[in-house]
């Protein structure tokens, strides 16, 4: 009988200990849950931002590459090339949230560097060029200096990034800005598009 009482007492102690452990685990989980949720939301938004950023890079370099392979360029050509921006951004919308600005920068022999022409298209986002305006002196990225009779095509792409979890406060809404610079291959492309 004593043995049975001891065994029962031991089982009750085991049960009480197990119940306390379950309660402790539940409390620890409840305390750590907000951290896990923040990590999940942050990593999801960060991954989303990286994908969008890579697509904006692809737009800048692809459009610049296509333009610099032309002998001459017209507004119709540029309009058609800008259709690529929307396609490259898929499945994300570029029409309302993005814009592409293409500038032809030229340094005539013995004269100051100028922006020969500029084209804005691909989307309706209202942003201005950080390079400058057509006919003006450009602000070139980094330490870029042009030699006499040298020309470059600069493509700037703006995209308004909106996080998936905007109310979470981890990432905020803002512009993604990318620049691509290429030299024209077949002709200088300093004549404004017709």
N, C-alpha and C. Protein backbone atom coordinates (compact mmCIF):
# COMPACT_ATOMS: atom_id res chain seq x y z
N UNK A 1 0.82 -1.18 0.00
CA UNK A 1 0.00 0.00 0.00
C UNK A 1 0.87 1.25 0.00
N UNK A 2 1.89 1.24 0.84
CA UNK A 2 2.81 2.38 0.88
C UNK A 2 3.47 2.57 -0.48
N UNK A 3 3.79 1.44 -1.06
CA UNK A 3 4.43 1.50 -2.37
C UNK A 3 3.49 2.12 -3.40
N UNK A 4 2.22 1.82 -3.37
CA UNK A 4 1.24 2.37 -4.27
C UNK A 4 1.06 3.86 -4.04
N UNK A 5 1.06 4.27 -2.81
CA UNK A 5 0.92 5.69 -2.47
C UNK A 5 2.14 6.46 -2.98
N UNK A 6 3.34 5.87 -2.80
CA UNK A 6 4.55 6.53 -3.28
C UNK A 6 4.52 6.66 -4.80
N UNK A 7 4.08 5.59 -5.45
CA UNK A 7 4.01 5.62 -6.90
C UNK A 7 3.00 6.66 -7.38
N UNK A 8 1.86 6.74 -6.74
CA UNK A 8 0.83 7.71 -7.08
C UNK A 8 1.33 9.12 -6.82
N UNK A 9 2.02 9.30 -5.71
CA UNK A 9 2.59 10.60 -5.37
C UNK A 9 3.63 11.02 -6.42
N UNK A 10 4.44 10.07 -6.86
CA UNK A 10 5.45 10.35 -7.86
C UNK A 10 4.80 10.74 -9.20
N UNK A 11 3.73 10.01 -9.56
CA UNK A 11 3.00 10.31 -10.81
C UNK A 11 2.37 11.69 -10.75
N UNK A 12 1.83 12.08 -9.61
CA UNK A 12 1.24 13.41 -9.45
C UNK A 12 2.31 14.50 -9.58
N UNK A 13 3.47 14.24 -9.01
CA UNK A 13 4.57 15.20 -9.12
C UNK A 13 5.02 15.33 -10.59
N UNK A 14 5.09 14.20 -11.29
CA UNK A 14 5.45 14.23 -12.70
C UNK A 14 4.43 15.03 -13.50
N UNK A 15 3.16 14.79 -13.21
CA UNK A 15 2.09 15.51 -13.91
C UNK A 15 2.18 17.00 -13.63
N UNK A 16 2.39 17.39 -12.41
CA UNK A 16 2.50 18.80 -12.04
C UNK A 16 3.70 19.44 -12.74
N UNK A 17 4.83 18.72 -12.79
CA UNK A 17 6.03 19.23 -13.46
C UNK A 17 5.78 19.42 -14.96
N UNK A 18 5.14 18.43 -15.58
CA UNK A 18 4.84 18.50 -17.02
C UNK A 18 3.89 19.65 -17.31
N UNK A 19 2.90 19.86 -16.46
CA UNK A 19 1.96 20.95 -16.64
C UNK A 19 2.67 22.29 -16.53
N UNK A 20 3.59 22.42 -15.59
CA UNK A 20 4.36 23.65 -15.45
C UNK A 20 5.22 23.89 -16.70
N UNK A 21 5.82 22.83 -17.23
CA UNK A 21 6.65 22.95 -18.43
C UNK A 21 5.81 23.43 -19.62
N UNK A 22 4.61 22.87 -19.79
CA UNK A 22 3.74 23.29 -20.88
C UNK A 22 3.37 24.76 -20.74
N UNK A 23 3.10 25.20 -19.55
CA UNK A 23 2.77 26.60 -19.30
C UNK A 23 3.95 27.51 -19.62
N UNK A 24 5.15 27.08 -19.25
CA UNK A 24 6.35 27.86 -19.53
C UNK A 24 6.58 27.97 -21.03
N UNK A 25 6.42 26.87 -21.74
CA UNK A 25 6.60 26.87 -23.19
C UNK A 25 5.59 27.80 -23.85
N UNK A 26 4.35 27.77 -23.38
CA UNK A 26 3.31 28.63 -23.95
C UNK A 26 3.64 30.10 -23.71
N UNK A 27 4.13 30.43 -22.52
CA UNK A 27 4.50 31.82 -22.22
C UNK A 27 5.69 32.25 -23.07
N UNK A 28 6.71 31.39 -23.21
CA UNK A 28 7.87 31.72 -24.03
C UNK A 28 7.47 31.93 -25.49
N UNK A 29 6.57 31.07 -25.98
CA UNK A 29 6.11 31.23 -27.36
C UNK A 29 5.36 32.54 -27.53
N UNK A 30 4.49 32.87 -26.59
CA UNK A 30 3.72 34.12 -26.67
C UNK A 30 4.64 35.33 -26.64
N UNK A 31 5.71 35.28 -25.86
CA UNK A 31 6.64 36.40 -25.79
C UNK A 31 7.49 36.53 -27.06
N UNK A 32 7.81 35.41 -27.68
CA UNK A 32 8.67 35.46 -28.87
C UNK A 32 7.88 35.63 -30.18
N UNK A 33 6.57 35.44 -30.16
CA UNK A 33 5.76 35.53 -31.37
C UNK A 33 5.90 36.87 -32.10
N UNK A 34 5.86 38.02 -31.43
CA UNK A 34 6.02 39.29 -32.16
C UNK A 34 7.37 39.38 -32.88
N UNK A 35 8.40 38.82 -32.31
CA UNK A 35 9.72 38.84 -32.95
C UNK A 35 9.68 38.00 -34.22
N UNK A 36 9.05 36.82 -34.14
CA UNK A 36 8.96 35.96 -35.31
C UNK A 36 8.13 36.61 -36.41
N UNK A 37 7.06 37.27 -36.03
CA UNK A 37 6.21 37.95 -37.03
C UNK A 37 6.99 39.09 -37.69
N UNK A 38 7.72 39.88 -36.91
CA UNK A 38 8.52 40.97 -37.46
C UNK A 38 9.59 40.44 -38.42
N UNK A 39 10.21 39.34 -38.07
CA UNK A 39 11.21 38.73 -38.96
C UNK A 39 10.58 38.25 -40.26
N UNK A 40 9.40 37.65 -40.16
CA UNK A 40 8.70 37.16 -41.35
C UNK A 40 8.32 38.32 -42.27
N UNK A 41 7.72 39.35 -41.71
CA UNK A 41 7.30 40.51 -42.50
C UNK A 41 8.53 41.21 -43.09
N UNK A 42 9.56 41.40 -42.29
CA UNK A 42 10.77 42.07 -42.77
C UNK A 42 11.47 41.31 -43.88
N UNK A 43 11.58 40.00 -43.73
CA UNK A 43 12.24 39.22 -44.78
C UNK A 43 11.39 39.15 -46.05
N UNK A 44 10.08 39.12 -45.91
CA UNK A 44 9.20 39.11 -47.08
C UNK A 44 9.31 40.43 -47.84
N UNK A 45 9.22 41.56 -47.13
CA UNK A 45 9.33 42.87 -47.78
C UNK A 45 10.72 43.09 -48.36
N UNK A 46 11.75 42.63 -47.67
CA UNK A 46 13.12 42.79 -48.18
C UNK A 46 13.31 41.98 -49.47
N UNK A 47 12.78 40.78 -49.50
CA UNK A 47 12.86 39.96 -50.72
C UNK A 47 12.10 40.62 -51.86
N UNK A 48 10.92 41.13 -51.55
CA UNK A 48 10.11 41.83 -52.56
C UNK A 48 10.87 43.03 -53.11
N UNK A 49 11.51 43.81 -52.23
CA UNK A 49 12.27 44.98 -52.66
C UNK A 49 13.46 44.58 -53.54
N UNK A 50 14.13 43.48 -53.21
CA UNK A 50 15.26 43.03 -54.02
C UNK A 50 14.80 42.63 -55.43
N UNK A 51 13.67 41.95 -55.52
CA UNK A 51 13.15 41.55 -56.83
C UNK A 51 12.79 42.78 -57.66
N UNK A 52 12.10 43.74 -57.06
CA UNK A 52 11.73 44.97 -57.76
C UNK A 52 12.98 45.73 -58.19
N UNK A 53 13.96 45.83 -57.31
CA UNK A 53 15.20 46.53 -57.61
C UNK A 53 15.94 45.89 -58.79
N UNK A 54 15.98 44.56 -58.83
CA UNK A 54 16.62 43.86 -59.95
C UNK A 54 15.89 44.14 -61.26
N UNK A 55 14.60 44.23 -61.22
CA UNK A 55 13.83 44.50 -62.44
C UNK A 55 14.06 45.93 -62.92
N UNK A 56 14.19 46.88 -61.99
CA UNK A 56 14.48 48.26 -62.37
C UNK A 56 15.88 48.34 -62.99
N UNK A 57 16.85 47.62 -62.43
CA UNK A 57 18.20 47.54 -63.02
C UNK A 57 18.11 47.02 -64.45
N UNK A 58 17.36 45.95 -64.65
CA UNK A 58 17.23 45.32 -65.96
C UNK A 58 16.62 46.31 -66.96
N UNK A 59 15.65 47.10 -66.52
CA UNK A 59 15.04 48.09 -67.41
C UNK A 59 16.09 49.11 -67.84
N UNK A 60 16.84 49.65 -66.89
CA UNK A 60 17.84 50.68 -67.21
C UNK A 60 18.86 50.17 -68.22
N UNK A 61 19.43 49.01 -67.97
CA UNK A 61 20.47 48.49 -68.85
C UNK A 61 19.92 48.01 -70.18
N UNK A 62 18.76 47.40 -70.21
CA UNK A 62 18.20 46.90 -71.46
C UNK A 62 17.82 48.05 -72.39
N UNK A 63 17.15 49.05 -71.87
CA UNK A 63 16.73 50.17 -72.71
C UNK A 63 17.95 50.92 -73.25
N UNK A 64 18.95 51.15 -72.41
CA UNK A 64 20.15 51.83 -72.87
C UNK A 64 20.85 51.01 -73.95
N UNK A 65 20.94 49.71 -73.75
CA UNK A 65 21.58 48.83 -74.72
C UNK A 65 20.86 48.86 -76.06
N UNK A 66 19.54 48.81 -76.05
CA UNK A 66 18.77 48.84 -77.29
C UNK A 66 18.97 50.17 -78.02
N UNK A 67 18.90 51.27 -77.29
CA UNK A 67 19.04 52.59 -77.92
C UNK A 67 20.42 52.76 -78.53
N UNK A 68 21.45 52.34 -77.85
CA UNK A 68 22.82 52.55 -78.35
C UNK A 68 23.16 51.66 -79.54
N UNK A 69 22.30 50.72 -79.89
CA UNK A 69 22.52 49.89 -81.08
C UNK A 69 21.88 50.50 -82.33
N UNK A 70 21.24 51.65 -82.18
CA UNK A 70 20.55 52.30 -83.31
C UNK A 70 21.48 53.26 -84.04
N UNK A 71 21.26 53.38 -85.37
CA UNK A 71 22.00 54.38 -86.15
C UNK A 71 21.34 55.73 -86.01
N UNK A 72 20.02 55.74 -86.06
CA UNK A 72 19.23 56.95 -85.83
C UNK A 72 18.09 56.55 -84.90
N UNK A 73 17.50 57.55 -84.28
CA UNK A 73 16.41 57.26 -83.33
C UNK A 73 15.29 58.27 -83.55
N UNK A 74 14.07 57.80 -83.51
CA UNK A 74 12.90 58.69 -83.65
C UNK A 74 12.04 58.56 -82.39
N UNK A 75 11.08 59.45 -82.27
CA UNK A 75 10.15 59.38 -81.14
C UNK A 75 9.36 58.08 -81.18
N UNK A 76 9.00 57.63 -82.37
CA UNK A 76 8.27 56.37 -82.51
C UNK A 76 9.14 55.21 -82.03
N UNK A 77 10.43 55.23 -82.42
CA UNK A 77 11.35 54.19 -81.96
C UNK A 77 11.43 54.19 -80.44
N UNK A 78 11.57 55.37 -79.86
CA UNK A 78 11.68 55.47 -78.40
C UNK A 78 10.39 55.01 -77.71
N UNK A 79 9.24 55.39 -78.29
CA UNK A 79 7.96 54.93 -77.72
C UNK A 79 7.88 53.40 -77.72
N UNK A 80 8.32 52.79 -78.83
CA UNK A 80 8.29 51.33 -78.92
C UNK A 80 9.29 50.69 -77.96
N UNK A 81 10.46 51.29 -77.82
CA UNK A 81 11.46 50.76 -76.89
C UNK A 81 10.95 50.84 -75.46
N UNK A 82 10.21 51.89 -75.14
CA UNK A 82 9.69 52.06 -73.78
C UNK A 82 8.65 51.01 -73.41
N UNK A 83 8.05 50.38 -74.41
CA UNK A 83 7.11 49.29 -74.12
C UNK A 83 7.83 48.14 -73.41
N UNK A 84 9.14 48.05 -73.66
CA UNK A 84 9.94 47.01 -73.00
C UNK A 84 9.97 47.21 -71.49
N UNK A 85 9.91 48.46 -71.03
CA UNK A 85 9.96 48.73 -69.59
C UNK A 85 8.81 48.03 -68.88
N UNK A 86 7.62 48.15 -69.43
CA UNK A 86 6.46 47.49 -68.82
C UNK A 86 6.58 45.98 -68.85
N UNK A 87 7.14 45.45 -69.94
CA UNK A 87 7.30 44.01 -70.06
C UNK A 87 8.36 43.48 -69.10
N UNK A 88 9.46 44.21 -68.96
CA UNK A 88 10.54 43.78 -68.07
C UNK A 88 10.14 43.86 -66.60
N UNK A 89 9.18 44.72 -66.29
CA UNK A 89 8.77 44.90 -64.90
C UNK A 89 7.71 43.88 -64.47
N UNK A 90 7.13 43.15 -65.43
CA UNK A 90 6.08 42.18 -65.10
C UNK A 90 6.51 41.25 -63.99
N UNK A 91 5.67 40.90 -63.05
CA UNK A 91 4.24 41.13 -62.95
C UNK A 91 3.89 42.43 -62.22
N UNK A 92 4.87 43.27 -61.98
CA UNK A 92 4.62 44.53 -61.28
C UNK A 92 4.26 45.61 -62.30
N UNK A 93 3.44 46.57 -61.88
CA UNK A 93 3.00 47.64 -62.77
C UNK A 93 4.08 48.71 -62.89
N UNK A 94 4.37 49.12 -64.11
CA UNK A 94 5.33 50.20 -64.33
C UNK A 94 4.63 51.46 -64.81
N UNK A 95 3.46 51.31 -65.43
CA UNK A 95 2.77 52.44 -66.05
C UNK A 95 2.51 53.60 -65.09
N UNK A 96 2.03 53.31 -63.88
CA UNK A 96 1.73 54.37 -62.92
C UNK A 96 2.87 54.62 -61.94
N UNK A 97 3.70 53.61 -61.72
CA UNK A 97 4.72 53.71 -60.67
C UNK A 97 6.14 53.92 -61.19
N UNK A 98 6.32 54.08 -62.49
CA UNK A 98 7.67 54.22 -63.01
C UNK A 98 7.78 55.22 -64.12
N UNK A 99 9.02 55.60 -64.43
CA UNK A 99 9.31 56.48 -65.56
C UNK A 99 10.76 56.26 -65.99
N UNK A 100 11.00 56.41 -67.29
CA UNK A 100 12.34 56.27 -67.87
C UNK A 100 12.71 57.60 -68.50
N UNK A 101 13.90 58.09 -68.20
CA UNK A 101 14.41 59.33 -68.79
C UNK A 101 15.71 58.99 -69.51
N UNK A 102 15.73 59.24 -70.83
CA UNK A 102 16.91 58.97 -71.65
C UNK A 102 17.51 60.30 -72.06
N UNK A 103 18.83 60.44 -71.84
CA UNK A 103 19.54 61.67 -72.20
C UNK A 103 20.73 61.33 -73.09
N UNK A 104 20.91 62.15 -74.13
CA UNK A 104 22.10 62.05 -74.98
C UNK A 104 23.03 63.18 -74.56
N UNK A 105 24.19 62.82 -74.04
CA UNK A 105 25.15 63.81 -73.54
C UNK A 105 26.34 63.85 -74.49
N UNK A 106 26.71 65.07 -74.93
CA UNK A 106 27.74 65.24 -75.96
C UNK A 106 28.71 66.34 -75.55
N UNK A 107 29.99 66.12 -75.87
CA UNK A 107 31.01 67.14 -75.64
C UNK A 107 31.62 67.51 -77.00
N UNK A 108 31.18 68.66 -77.55
CA UNK A 108 31.76 69.11 -78.82
C UNK A 108 33.24 69.48 -78.62
N UNK A 109 34.00 69.44 -79.68
CA UNK A 109 35.41 69.77 -79.61
C UNK A 109 35.61 71.21 -79.15
N UNK A 110 36.32 71.37 -78.05
CA UNK A 110 36.64 72.70 -77.52
C UNK A 110 35.49 73.40 -76.84
N UNK A 111 34.40 72.73 -76.58
CA UNK A 111 33.23 73.37 -75.95
C UNK A 111 32.82 72.58 -74.71
N UNK A 112 31.86 73.14 -73.99
CA UNK A 112 31.37 72.49 -72.77
C UNK A 112 30.44 71.33 -73.12
N UNK A 113 30.37 70.39 -72.22
CA UNK A 113 29.48 69.24 -72.37
C UNK A 113 28.02 69.69 -72.24
N UNK A 114 27.17 69.17 -73.14
CA UNK A 114 25.76 69.55 -73.11
C UNK A 114 24.88 68.30 -73.21
N UNK A 115 23.62 68.48 -72.84
CA UNK A 115 22.63 67.43 -73.06
C UNK A 115 22.00 67.73 -74.42
N UNK A 116 22.30 66.90 -75.43
CA UNK A 116 21.82 67.13 -76.80
C UNK A 116 20.31 66.99 -76.89
N UNK A 117 19.77 65.96 -76.28
CA UNK A 117 18.33 65.75 -76.28
C UNK A 117 17.96 64.87 -75.09
N UNK A 118 16.68 64.88 -74.79
CA UNK A 118 16.18 64.09 -73.67
C UNK A 118 14.79 63.57 -74.02
N UNK A 119 14.49 62.37 -73.56
CA UNK A 119 13.20 61.74 -73.80
C UNK A 119 12.69 61.17 -72.48
N UNK A 120 11.40 61.38 -72.20
CA UNK A 120 10.77 60.84 -70.99
C UNK A 120 9.60 59.97 -71.41
N UNK A 121 9.54 58.74 -70.88
CA UNK A 121 8.45 57.86 -71.25
C UNK A 121 8.44 56.58 -70.43
N UNK A 122 7.65 55.64 -70.88
CA UNK A 122 7.57 54.33 -70.22
C UNK A 122 6.58 54.27 -69.09
N UNK A 123 6.29 55.39 -68.47
CA UNK A 123 5.37 55.43 -67.34
C UNK A 123 4.97 56.86 -67.04
N UNK A 124 4.05 57.03 -66.12
CA UNK A 124 3.52 58.37 -65.83
C UNK A 124 4.00 58.95 -64.50
N UNK A 125 4.96 58.29 -63.85
CA UNK A 125 5.48 58.81 -62.58
C UNK A 125 6.18 60.14 -62.84
N UNK A 126 5.85 61.18 -62.10
CA UNK A 126 6.41 62.52 -62.31
C UNK A 126 7.73 62.67 -61.54
N UNK A 127 8.83 62.49 -62.24
CA UNK A 127 10.16 62.68 -61.66
C UNK A 127 11.02 63.41 -62.67
N UNK A 128 11.98 64.20 -62.18
CA UNK A 128 12.88 64.93 -63.06
C UNK A 128 14.24 64.24 -63.15
N UNK A 129 14.96 64.58 -64.18
CA UNK A 129 16.28 63.99 -64.40
C UNK A 129 17.30 64.57 -63.42
N UNK A 130 18.13 63.70 -62.85
CA UNK A 130 19.23 64.14 -62.00
C UNK A 130 20.42 64.56 -62.84
N UNK A 131 20.38 64.27 -64.14
CA UNK A 131 21.45 64.62 -65.06
C UNK A 131 21.33 66.08 -65.47
N UNK A 132 20.12 66.55 -65.69
CA UNK A 132 19.88 67.92 -66.11
C UNK A 132 18.76 67.96 -67.12
N UNK A 133 18.66 69.10 -67.84
CA UNK A 133 17.61 69.27 -68.84
C UNK A 133 18.23 69.42 -70.22
N UNK A 134 17.44 69.14 -71.23
CA UNK A 134 17.90 69.22 -72.61
C UNK A 134 18.45 70.61 -72.92
N UNK A 135 19.65 70.66 -73.51
CA UNK A 135 20.30 71.93 -73.84
C UNK A 135 21.16 72.47 -72.71
N UNK A 136 21.05 71.90 -71.52
CA UNK A 136 21.81 72.38 -70.37
C UNK A 136 23.10 71.60 -70.15
N UNK A 137 23.85 72.05 -69.15
CA UNK A 137 25.08 71.37 -68.77
C UNK A 137 24.71 70.20 -67.86
N UNK A 138 25.19 69.02 -68.18
CA UNK A 138 24.80 67.84 -67.39
C UNK A 138 25.58 67.72 -66.08
N UNK A 139 24.94 67.09 -65.12
CA UNK A 139 25.60 66.68 -63.89
C UNK A 139 25.85 65.18 -64.05
N UNK A 140 27.07 64.83 -64.41
CA UNK A 140 27.39 63.43 -64.71
C UNK A 140 27.67 62.66 -63.43
N UNK A 141 27.26 61.39 -63.40
CA UNK A 141 27.49 60.56 -62.21
C UNK A 141 28.98 60.32 -61.96
N UNK A 142 29.35 60.29 -60.69
CA UNK A 142 30.73 59.98 -60.31
C UNK A 142 31.71 60.97 -60.88
N UNK A 143 32.84 60.48 -61.29
CA UNK A 143 33.89 61.32 -61.87
C UNK A 143 33.93 61.19 -63.38
N UNK A 144 32.80 60.97 -64.00
CA UNK A 144 32.73 60.77 -65.44
C UNK A 144 33.05 62.06 -66.18
N UNK A 145 34.03 62.00 -67.08
CA UNK A 145 34.42 63.14 -67.89
C UNK A 145 34.45 62.68 -69.35
N UNK A 146 33.87 63.49 -70.23
CA UNK A 146 33.86 63.15 -71.65
C UNK A 146 35.02 63.84 -72.36
N UNK A 147 35.60 63.15 -73.33
CA UNK A 147 36.62 63.74 -74.19
C UNK A 147 35.95 64.49 -75.33
N UNK A 148 36.71 65.28 -76.07
CA UNK A 148 36.16 66.02 -77.21
C UNK A 148 35.50 65.05 -78.20
N UNK A 149 34.36 65.46 -78.74
CA UNK A 149 33.57 64.70 -79.72
C UNK A 149 33.12 63.34 -79.19
N UNK A 150 32.95 63.22 -77.92
CA UNK A 150 32.48 61.97 -77.32
C UNK A 150 31.02 62.13 -76.90
N UNK A 151 30.26 61.05 -77.03
CA UNK A 151 28.84 61.07 -76.72
C UNK A 151 28.48 59.83 -75.91
N UNK A 152 27.57 59.98 -74.96
CA UNK A 152 27.06 58.85 -74.19
C UNK A 152 25.54 58.96 -74.09
N UNK A 153 24.92 57.81 -73.92
CA UNK A 153 23.47 57.75 -73.67
C UNK A 153 23.30 57.35 -72.21
N UNK A 154 22.56 58.16 -71.47
CA UNK A 154 22.31 57.89 -70.05
C UNK A 154 20.82 57.62 -69.88
N UNK A 155 20.51 56.50 -69.28
CA UNK A 155 19.11 56.15 -68.99
C UNK A 155 18.91 56.15 -67.49
N UNK A 156 17.95 56.93 -67.03
CA UNK A 156 17.58 56.97 -65.62
C UNK A 156 16.20 56.32 -65.48
N UNK A 157 16.06 55.47 -64.50
CA UNK A 157 14.78 54.81 -64.25
C UNK A 157 14.38 55.08 -62.80
N UNK A 158 13.19 55.60 -62.64
CA UNK A 158 12.58 55.79 -61.32
C UNK A 158 11.44 54.79 -61.18
N UNK A 159 11.34 54.21 -60.00
CA UNK A 159 10.20 53.34 -59.69
C UNK A 159 9.78 53.60 -58.26
N UNK A 160 8.50 53.87 -58.06
CA UNK A 160 7.96 54.12 -56.73
C UNK A 160 7.69 52.78 -56.04
N UNK A 161 8.57 52.42 -55.10
CA UNK A 161 8.45 51.16 -54.38
C UNK A 161 7.45 51.31 -53.24
N UNK A 162 6.49 50.38 -53.20
CA UNK A 162 5.49 50.35 -52.13
C UNK A 162 5.60 48.98 -51.46
N UNK A 163 6.01 48.94 -50.19
CA UNK A 163 6.14 47.64 -49.51
C UNK A 163 4.80 46.91 -49.44
N UNK A 164 4.89 45.59 -49.39
CA UNK A 164 3.67 44.78 -49.28
C UNK A 164 2.97 45.03 -47.94
N UNK A 165 3.77 45.21 -46.89
CA UNK A 165 3.22 45.43 -45.54
C UNK A 165 3.56 46.87 -45.13
N UNK A 166 2.93 47.83 -45.79
CA UNK A 166 3.28 49.25 -45.59
C UNK A 166 2.97 49.71 -44.16
N UNK A 167 1.95 49.15 -43.53
CA UNK A 167 1.58 49.56 -42.18
C UNK A 167 2.45 48.92 -41.10
N UNK A 168 3.29 47.96 -41.49
CA UNK A 168 4.14 47.29 -40.50
C UNK A 168 5.28 48.18 -40.05
N UNK A 169 5.64 49.16 -40.86
CA UNK A 169 6.68 50.11 -40.47
C UNK A 169 8.09 49.58 -40.59
N UNK A 170 8.29 48.47 -41.27
CA UNK A 170 9.64 47.92 -41.41
C UNK A 170 10.34 48.57 -42.59
N UNK A 171 9.73 48.60 -43.77
CA UNK A 171 10.24 49.31 -44.93
C UNK A 171 9.24 50.41 -45.28
N UNK A 172 9.75 51.51 -45.81
CA UNK A 172 8.85 52.60 -46.15
C UNK A 172 8.79 52.78 -47.67
N UNK A 173 7.76 53.46 -48.11
CA UNK A 173 7.57 53.75 -49.52
C UNK A 173 8.63 54.74 -49.96
N UNK A 174 9.17 54.54 -51.16
CA UNK A 174 10.17 55.46 -51.68
C UNK A 174 10.62 55.07 -53.08
N UNK A 175 11.40 55.95 -53.70
CA UNK A 175 11.87 55.72 -55.06
C UNK A 175 13.05 54.76 -55.11
N UNK A 176 13.02 53.91 -56.12
CA UNK A 176 14.20 53.13 -56.51
C UNK A 176 14.70 53.83 -57.77
N UNK A 177 15.96 54.22 -57.78
CA UNK A 177 16.54 54.99 -58.88
C UNK A 177 17.75 54.25 -59.41
N UNK A 178 17.78 54.02 -60.72
CA UNK A 178 18.92 53.34 -61.35
C UNK A 178 19.34 54.12 -62.58
N UNK A 179 20.65 54.07 -62.87
CA UNK A 179 21.23 54.76 -64.02
C UNK A 179 22.05 53.75 -64.82
N UNK A 180 21.96 53.83 -66.14
CA UNK A 180 22.82 53.04 -67.03
C UNK A 180 23.44 54.00 -68.04
N UNK A 181 24.73 53.81 -68.31
CA UNK A 181 25.46 54.68 -69.24
C UNK A 181 26.16 53.80 -70.26
N UNK A 182 25.86 54.05 -71.55
CA UNK A 182 26.51 53.32 -72.64
C UNK A 182 26.95 54.33 -73.70
N UNK A 183 27.97 53.94 -74.46
CA UNK A 183 28.36 54.72 -75.63
C UNK A 183 27.61 54.17 -76.84
N UNK A 184 27.11 55.06 -77.69
CA UNK A 184 26.45 54.58 -78.92
C UNK A 184 27.43 53.78 -79.77
N UNK A 185 26.94 52.74 -80.44
CA UNK A 185 27.82 51.84 -81.19
C UNK A 185 27.93 52.17 -82.66
N UNK A 186 26.82 52.57 -83.28
CA UNK A 186 26.81 52.73 -84.73
C UNK A 186 26.87 54.18 -85.20
N UNK A 187 26.39 55.10 -84.38
CA UNK A 187 26.45 56.53 -84.70
C UNK A 187 26.38 57.29 -83.38
N UNK A 188 26.77 58.57 -83.39
CA UNK A 188 26.83 59.31 -82.11
C UNK A 188 25.48 59.57 -81.43
N UNK A 189 24.37 59.53 -82.19
CA UNK A 189 23.03 59.77 -81.62
C UNK A 189 22.92 61.12 -80.89
N UNK A 190 23.53 62.16 -81.49
CA UNK A 190 23.44 63.49 -80.88
C UNK A 190 22.31 64.32 -81.49
N UNK A 191 21.77 63.86 -82.61
CA UNK A 191 20.66 64.57 -83.25
C UNK A 191 19.37 64.23 -82.51
N UNK A 192 18.59 65.23 -82.11
CA UNK A 192 17.33 64.95 -81.39
C UNK A 192 16.41 64.05 -82.22
N UNK A 193 15.67 63.19 -81.54
CA UNK A 193 14.73 62.31 -82.25
C UNK A 193 13.70 63.10 -83.05
N UNK A 194 13.31 62.54 -84.18
CA UNK A 194 12.34 63.23 -85.05
C UNK A 194 10.94 62.72 -84.78
